[in-house]
Structures are given as structure tokens and as C-alpha cells.
Amino acid sequence: MNQKNDDVFMRNGVFAWVALGACLVLLVPLIAMQFTDEVRWDTADFLVMGILLLGTGSLFVLVSRKVPRRRRAAVAIAFAAAFLYVWAELAVGLISNLGR
């Protein structure tokens, strides 16, 4: 009973797409730094954001493999909300002083 599963989340190649997406997102501040002094990221900023993007994307893939398809949208919204909260917290410290 070898069943071929065409679901993109079930293939391990999806992690390469997550990594590619993270790299593309990280190109935005890298390119912006070339044109303006308003964006000033150092190596640590790129490293933290890369870990946040790769971690969130990879965890979403792993969790989405375990939940039914009809619940993936809810899982995606939860992961997006958690990502945005951590990003905002690190950037400006909405609740705590992590970003300052």
C-alpha cells in the first residue's frame, strides 16, 4: 500500500522553499541599506531575523503535516500572529524591553 501523496507539505523539498523565501525576505533590508541610511542592520539583525523566518516557516510545515487540511488556515494565522508579535517585540518592545 504505497500511496503517493502530492501534498506539498508532505514533501521534504518544502524546507528548501522555506529557506529560499527567508533569503528573499532578507534581501529587502540588504538592498534598502544600499540606498538609504534609514535602514541600518548589522550581522546580528540578519541572523536573528533569518532564524525567526526559518524557524517559523519550518515549524509551520511540521505542524501542518500533523493537522487536517481544513485546519491549516487556522494554523497559518496562528503562526503568522506569533511571528508578527515576536518581530514587533524584538523591534520596538511592545510589551517588554526586549527590543531596546
Protein backbone atom coordinates (compact mmCIF):
# COMPACT_ATOMS: atom_id res chain seq x y z
CA MET A 1 0.00 0.00 0.00
CA ASN A 2 2.47 2.59 -1.15
CA GLN A 3 0.35 5.67 -1.64
CA LYS A 4 1.77 8.67 -3.48
CA ASN A 5 0.99 11.86 -1.61
CA ASP A 6 1.04 15.01 -3.73
CA ASP A 7 0.54 17.34 -0.77
CA VAL A 8 3.30 19.96 -0.87
CA PHE A 9 3.63 19.98 2.92
CA MET A 10 4.40 16.27 2.97
CA ARG A 11 7.46 16.61 0.73
CA ASN A 12 10.79 17.44 2.34
CA GLY A 13 11.63 19.81 -0.51
CA VAL A 14 9.29 22.33 1.05
CA PHE A 15 12.06 23.21 3.50
CA ALA A 16 14.20 24.42 0.60
CA TRP A 17 11.34 26.71 -0.39
CA VAL A 18 11.12 28.00 3.18
CA ALA A 19 14.85 28.76 3.11
CA LEU A 20 14.56 30.46 -0.29
CA GLY A 21 11.66 32.56 0.97
CA ALA A 22 13.64 33.58 4.05
CA CYS A 23 16.57 34.61 1.88
CA LEU A 24 14.32 36.66 -0.38
CA VAL A 25 12.78 38.44 2.60
CA LEU A 26 16.25 39.18 3.99
CA LEU A 27 17.24 40.72 0.65
CA VAL A 28 14.78 43.56 1.24
CA PRO A 29 16.69 45.23 4.10
CA LEU A 30 20.02 44.34 2.48
CA ILE A 31 19.05 46.18 -0.70
CA ALA A 32 17.46 49.04 1.25
CA MET A 33 20.73 49.55 3.14
CA GLN A 34 22.42 50.29 -0.18
CA PHE A 35 20.11 53.22 -0.93
CA THR A 36 19.30 54.84 2.41
CA ASP A 37 20.76 55.42 5.84
CA GLU A 38 17.33 54.84 7.42
CA VAL A 39 17.89 51.07 7.38
CA ARG A 40 20.87 50.02 9.50
CA TRP A 41 21.04 46.30 10.11
CA ASP A 42 24.13 44.55 11.37
CA THR A 43 25.05 40.88 11.20
CA ALA A 44 23.13 40.07 14.38
CA ASP A 45 19.94 41.59 12.95
CA PHE A 46 20.17 39.44 9.84
CA LEU A 47 20.98 36.37 11.91
CA VAL A 48 18.04 36.83 14.30
CA MET A 49 15.59 37.57 11.50
CA GLY A 50 16.87 34.60 9.50
CA ILE A 51 16.40 32.30 12.49
CA LEU A 52 12.93 33.75 13.09
CA LEU A 53 11.88 33.29 9.45
CA LEU A 54 13.36 29.82 9.06
CA GLY A 55 12.12 28.68 12.45
CA THR A 56 8.58 29.91 11.95
CA GLY A 57 8.35 28.55 8.41
CA SER A 58 9.80 25.17 9.33
CA LEU A 59 7.62 24.81 12.41
CA PHE A 60 4.57 25.69 10.34
CA VAL A 61 5.44 22.95 7.85
CA LEU A 62 5.98 20.39 10.59
CA VAL A 63 2.76 21.29 12.41
CA SER A 64 0.74 21.43 9.18
CA ARG A 65 1.77 17.84 8.48
CA LYS A 66 0.04 16.76 11.68
CA VAL A 67 -3.24 18.70 11.37
CA PRO A 68 -6.06 18.07 8.90
CA ARG A 69 -6.13 20.19 5.74
CA ARG A 70 -9.23 22.07 6.81
CA ARG A 71 -7.38 23.42 9.87
CA ARG A 72 -4.23 24.60 8.07
CA ALA A 73 -5.55 28.11 7.54
CA ALA A 74 -6.09 28.50 11.28
CA VAL A 75 -2.60 27.14 11.96
CA ALA A 76 -1.15 29.56 9.39
CA ILE A 77 -2.94 32.50 11.03
CA ALA A 78 -1.67 31.46 14.47
CA PHE A 79 1.91 31.16 13.22
CA ALA A 80 1.68 34.49 11.38
CA ALA A 81 0.36 36.20 14.51
CA ALA A 82 3.12 34.69 16.65
CA PHE A 83 5.75 35.70 14.08
CA LEU A 84 4.47 39.28 13.90
CA TYR A 85 4.32 39.55 17.69
CA VAL A 86 7.91 38.31 18.17
CA TRP A 87 9.12 40.54 15.34
CA ALA A 88 7.44 43.62 16.80
CA GLU A 89 8.64 42.73 20.29
CA LEU A 90 12.22 42.46 19.11
CA ALA A 91 11.98 45.63 17.03
CA VAL A 92 10.36 48.07 19.46
CA GLY A 93 9.40 46.16 22.60
CA LEU A 94 5.62 46.36 22.62
CA ILE A 95 5.16 44.63 25.97
CA SER A 96 8.67 44.16 27.35
CA ASN A 97 12.03 45.81 26.72
CA LEU A 98 13.49 43.06 24.51
CA GLY A 99 13.94 45.37 21.52
CA ARG A 100 15.54 48.25 23.38
